[in-house]
């Protein structure tokens, strides 16, 4: 079954192959609801900046200097605006930069709004930057609000047959089920309910 995370991996792998040996970069973030407290806008941009720097995209001395200065005298580190400017400067020499963010809907709403504003600023200040985002439909309003210009929406619908086969296989393969309780009617009811929920996504 081609799930959202597999589609993201496929897109990132394809872009990485195209970028290999070119003046291009592919930077990726995978959002996870289990780490959402730590996935603030400044941390997300910091991760992108780290990837850019590790990829040999220049100005490493300047990045080190900025982080060093921010930590002196008990400072709290770089602020978001400074981090964004460093990132824009780092990718400025590239012909194309792809920023791929998987499951952006998993970010806390306040973090997501701030991060979307940052992404808008990045693509406004650096024309070479392109975004690839995945998320569930309920965040479309936020995407439209922050990233309307030039955005394309591809709605990926899960294959009902694949889901049904996977669920049946998992239930048949699970030894913890009590065979007296897990009747065929109950199995069919579980599959039907999950398929209905999947179609609403």
Protein backbone atom coordinates (compact mmCIF):
# COMPACT_ATOMS: atom_id res chain seq x y z
CA UNK A 1 0.00 0.00 0.00
CA UNK A 2 1.39 3.42 -0.97
CA UNK A 3 1.01 5.42 2.24
CA UNK A 4 1.69 9.11 2.77
CA UNK A 5 5.11 8.48 4.29
CA UNK A 6 6.05 6.21 1.39
CA UNK A 7 4.96 8.87 -1.10
CA UNK A 8 7.08 11.45 0.74
CA UNK A 9 10.09 9.12 0.72
CA UNK A 10 9.57 8.46 -2.99
CA UNK A 11 9.44 12.19 -3.78
CA UNK A 12 12.51 12.95 -1.63
CA UNK A 13 14.47 10.05 -3.16
CA UNK A 14 13.54 11.19 -6.69
CA UNK A 15 14.52 14.81 -5.98
CA UNK A 16 17.79 13.69 -4.35
CA UNK A 17 18.72 11.68 -7.46
CA UNK A 18 17.99 14.69 -9.67
CA UNK A 19 20.02 16.98 -7.38
CA UNK A 20 23.05 14.67 -7.20
CA UNK A 21 26.10 16.40 -8.69
CA UNK A 22 24.10 19.56 -9.41
CA UNK A 23 24.10 22.93 -7.70
CA UNK A 24 20.96 21.85 -5.84
CA UNK A 25 19.95 20.60 -2.40
CA UNK A 26 17.11 18.53 -0.97
CA UNK A 27 16.36 19.20 2.70
CA UNK A 28 13.75 17.19 4.56
CA UNK A 29 11.86 17.18 7.85
CA UNK A 30 9.59 14.46 9.20
CA UNK A 31 7.08 15.71 11.76
CA UNK A 32 6.00 13.34 14.52
CA UNK A 33 3.18 13.87 17.00
CA UNK A 34 5.30 12.20 19.69
CA UNK A 35 7.88 14.99 19.45
CA UNK A 36 5.55 17.87 18.74
CA UNK A 37 6.54 19.86 21.86
CA UNK A 38 10.10 20.07 20.51
CA UNK A 39 9.08 20.77 16.91
CA UNK A 40 8.92 24.55 17.17
CA UNK A 41 9.57 26.83 14.21
CA UNK A 42 13.06 27.73 15.46
CA UNK A 43 13.98 24.05 15.90
CA UNK A 44 12.61 23.16 12.47
CA UNK A 45 14.59 25.94 10.78
CA UNK A 46 17.61 24.94 12.84
CA UNK A 47 17.33 21.40 11.46
CA UNK A 48 17.12 22.73 7.90
CA UNK A 49 20.13 24.97 8.55
CA UNK A 50 22.11 22.02 9.92
CA UNK A 51 21.31 19.92 6.85
CA UNK A 52 22.31 22.79 4.57
CA UNK A 53 25.58 23.33 6.44
CA UNK A 54 26.44 19.62 6.57
CA UNK A 55 25.76 19.42 2.86
CA UNK A 56 28.67 21.78 2.28
CA UNK A 57 26.52 24.72 1.27
CA UNK A 58 29.07 27.31 2.43
CA UNK A 59 29.21 29.93 5.23
CA UNK A 60 29.91 27.35 7.95
CA UNK A 61 32.32 29.78 9.65
CA UNK A 62 29.60 32.43 9.73
CA UNK A 63 27.08 29.94 11.15
CA UNK A 64 29.50 28.89 13.89
CA UNK A 65 30.23 32.52 14.70
CA UNK A 66 26.51 33.39 14.94
CA UNK A 67 25.80 30.46 17.24
CA UNK A 68 28.88 31.27 19.32
CA UNK A 69 27.87 34.89 19.81
CA UNK A 70 24.31 33.96 20.71
CA UNK A 71 25.52 31.61 23.46
CA UNK A 72 27.87 34.07 25.15
CA UNK A 73 26.89 35.63 28.44
CA UNK A 74 24.18 33.07 29.14
CA UNK A 75 22.26 33.89 25.97
CA UNK A 76 19.35 31.69 24.92
CA UNK A 77 20.73 31.00 21.46
CA UNK A 78 19.76 32.32 18.07
CA UNK A 79 16.30 33.79 17.70
CA UNK A 80 14.03 32.65 14.89
CA UNK A 81 14.59 35.73 12.71
CA UNK A 82 18.38 35.30 12.92
CA UNK A 83 18.09 31.59 12.14
CA UNK A 84 15.95 32.30 9.07
CA UNK A 85 18.41 34.89 7.76
CA UNK A 86 21.33 32.48 8.19
CA UNK A 87 19.37 29.79 6.36
CA UNK A 88 18.45 32.10 3.46
CA UNK A 89 22.09 33.17 3.18
CA UNK A 90 23.26 29.55 3.27
CA UNK A 91 21.04 28.44 0.37
CA UNK A 92 21.48 31.67 -1.62
CA UNK A 93 24.18 30.32 -3.92
CA UNK A 94 22.16 27.33 -5.04
CA UNK A 95 20.30 26.99 -8.29
CA UNK A 96 17.43 25.12 -6.60
CA UNK A 97 16.60 24.09 -3.03
CA UNK A 98 13.77 21.69 -2.24
CA UNK A 99 12.40 21.86 1.29
CA UNK A 100 10.33 18.74 1.99
CA UNK A 101 8.19 18.55 5.13
CA UNK A 102 6.27 15.34 5.77
CA UNK A 103 3.15 15.27 8.00
CA UNK A 104 3.13 19.00 8.73
CA UNK A 105 -0.31 18.47 10.26
CA UNK A 106 1.41 16.73 13.21
CA UNK A 107 2.90 20.02 14.43
CA UNK A 108 1.12 21.81 17.26
CA UNK A 109 -1.16 24.48 15.74
CA UNK A 110 0.87 27.42 17.11
CA UNK A 111 4.16 25.89 15.91
CA UNK A 112 2.63 25.06 12.51
CA UNK A 113 1.37 28.61 11.91
CA UNK A 114 4.72 30.13 12.82
CA UNK A 115 6.62 27.60 10.70
CA UNK A 116 4.35 28.22 7.69
CA UNK A 117 5.00 31.97 8.02
CA UNK A 118 8.73 31.22 8.05
CA UNK A 119 8.44 29.02 4.95
CA UNK A 120 6.60 31.83 3.18
CA UNK A 121 9.38 34.26 4.13
CA UNK A 122 12.04 31.84 2.86
CA UNK A 123 10.44 31.39 -0.55
CA UNK A 124 9.84 35.14 -0.84
CA UNK A 125 13.47 35.98 -0.01
CA UNK A 126 15.07 33.11 -1.92
CA UNK A 127 13.48 32.45 -5.35
CA UNK A 128 15.38 29.16 -5.74
CA UNK A 129 13.47 27.57 -2.83
CA UNK A 130 10.63 25.14 -3.55
CA UNK A 131 8.34 23.48 -1.02
CA UNK A 132 6.90 19.98 -0.86
CA UNK A 133 4.53 19.51 2.08
CA UNK A 134 2.30 16.61 3.09
CA UNK A 135 -0.53 16.78 5.58
CA UNK A 136 -4.11 15.81 6.19
CA UNK A 137 -6.89 17.91 4.62
CA UNK A 138 -7.95 19.68 7.84
CA UNK A 139 -4.91 22.02 7.66
CA UNK A 140 -5.68 23.23 4.14
CA UNK A 141 -7.02 26.52 5.51
CA UNK A 142 -3.68 27.29 7.15
CA UNK A 143 -1.79 26.39 4.00
CA UNK A 144 -4.04 28.63 1.92
CA UNK A 145 -3.56 31.47 4.40
CA UNK A 146 0.22 31.33 4.45
CA UNK A 147 1.26 29.71 1.16
CA UNK A 148 -1.34 30.59 -1.46
CA UNK A 149 0.84 31.76 -4.34
CA UNK A 150 1.88 29.02 -6.76
CA UNK A 151 0.65 26.17 -4.56
CA UNK A 152 -0.59 22.93 -6.09
CA UNK A 153 -2.75 20.48 -4.17
CA UNK A 154 -2.62 16.77 -4.90
CA UNK A 155 -5.26 14.88 -2.97
CA UNK A 156 -4.08 11.34 -2.23
CA UNK A 157 -6.94 8.96 -1.54
CA UNK A 158 -6.14 5.67 0.20
CA UNK A 159 -7.06 2.59 -1.82
CA UNK A 160 -10.03 0.95 -0.08
CA UNK A 161 -9.13 -2.53 -1.32
CA UNK A 162 -5.56 -2.24 -0.01
CA UNK A 163 -6.79 -1.09 3.39
CA UNK A 164 -9.34 -3.91 3.62
CA UNK A 165 -6.76 -6.55 2.68
CA UNK A 166 -4.23 -5.17 5.14
CA UNK A 167 -6.75 -5.10 8.00
CA UNK A 168 -7.95 -8.63 7.28
CA UNK A 169 -4.38 -9.89 7.14
CA UNK A 170 -3.50 -8.18 10.45
CA UNK A 171 -6.55 -9.59 12.21
CA UNK A 172 -5.96 -13.10 10.86
CA UNK A 173 -2.28 -12.92 11.81
CA UNK A 174 -2.86 -11.74 15.40
CA UNK A 175 -2.65 -14.61 17.87
CA UNK A 176 -4.02 -12.50 20.73
CA UNK A 177 -7.56 -12.53 19.33
CA UNK A 178 -9.99 -14.80 21.13
CA UNK A 179 -11.48 -16.89 18.29
CA UNK A 180 -14.77 -17.15 20.19
CA UNK A 181 -15.07 -13.37 20.32
CA UNK A 182 -13.66 -12.39 16.94
CA UNK A 183 -16.44 -13.55 14.65
CA UNK A 184 -16.54 -12.90 10.91
CA UNK A 185 -19.30 -10.35 11.50
CA UNK A 186 -17.11 -8.47 13.99
CA UNK A 187 -14.14 -8.55 11.59
CA UNK A 188 -16.30 -7.24 8.76
CA UNK A 189 -17.70 -4.54 11.04
CA UNK A 190 -14.20 -3.39 12.02
CA UNK A 191 -13.06 -3.25 8.39
CA UNK A 192 -16.22 -1.39 7.33
CA UNK A 193 -15.86 1.22 10.09
CA UNK A 194 -12.19 1.89 9.33
CA UNK A 195 -12.89 2.16 5.60
CA UNK A 196 -15.62 4.72 6.28
CA UNK A 197 -13.25 6.76 8.48
CA UNK A 198 -10.48 6.54 5.86
CA UNK A 199 -12.81 7.85 3.16
CA UNK A 200 -13.58 10.93 5.29
CA UNK A 201 -9.90 11.91 5.52
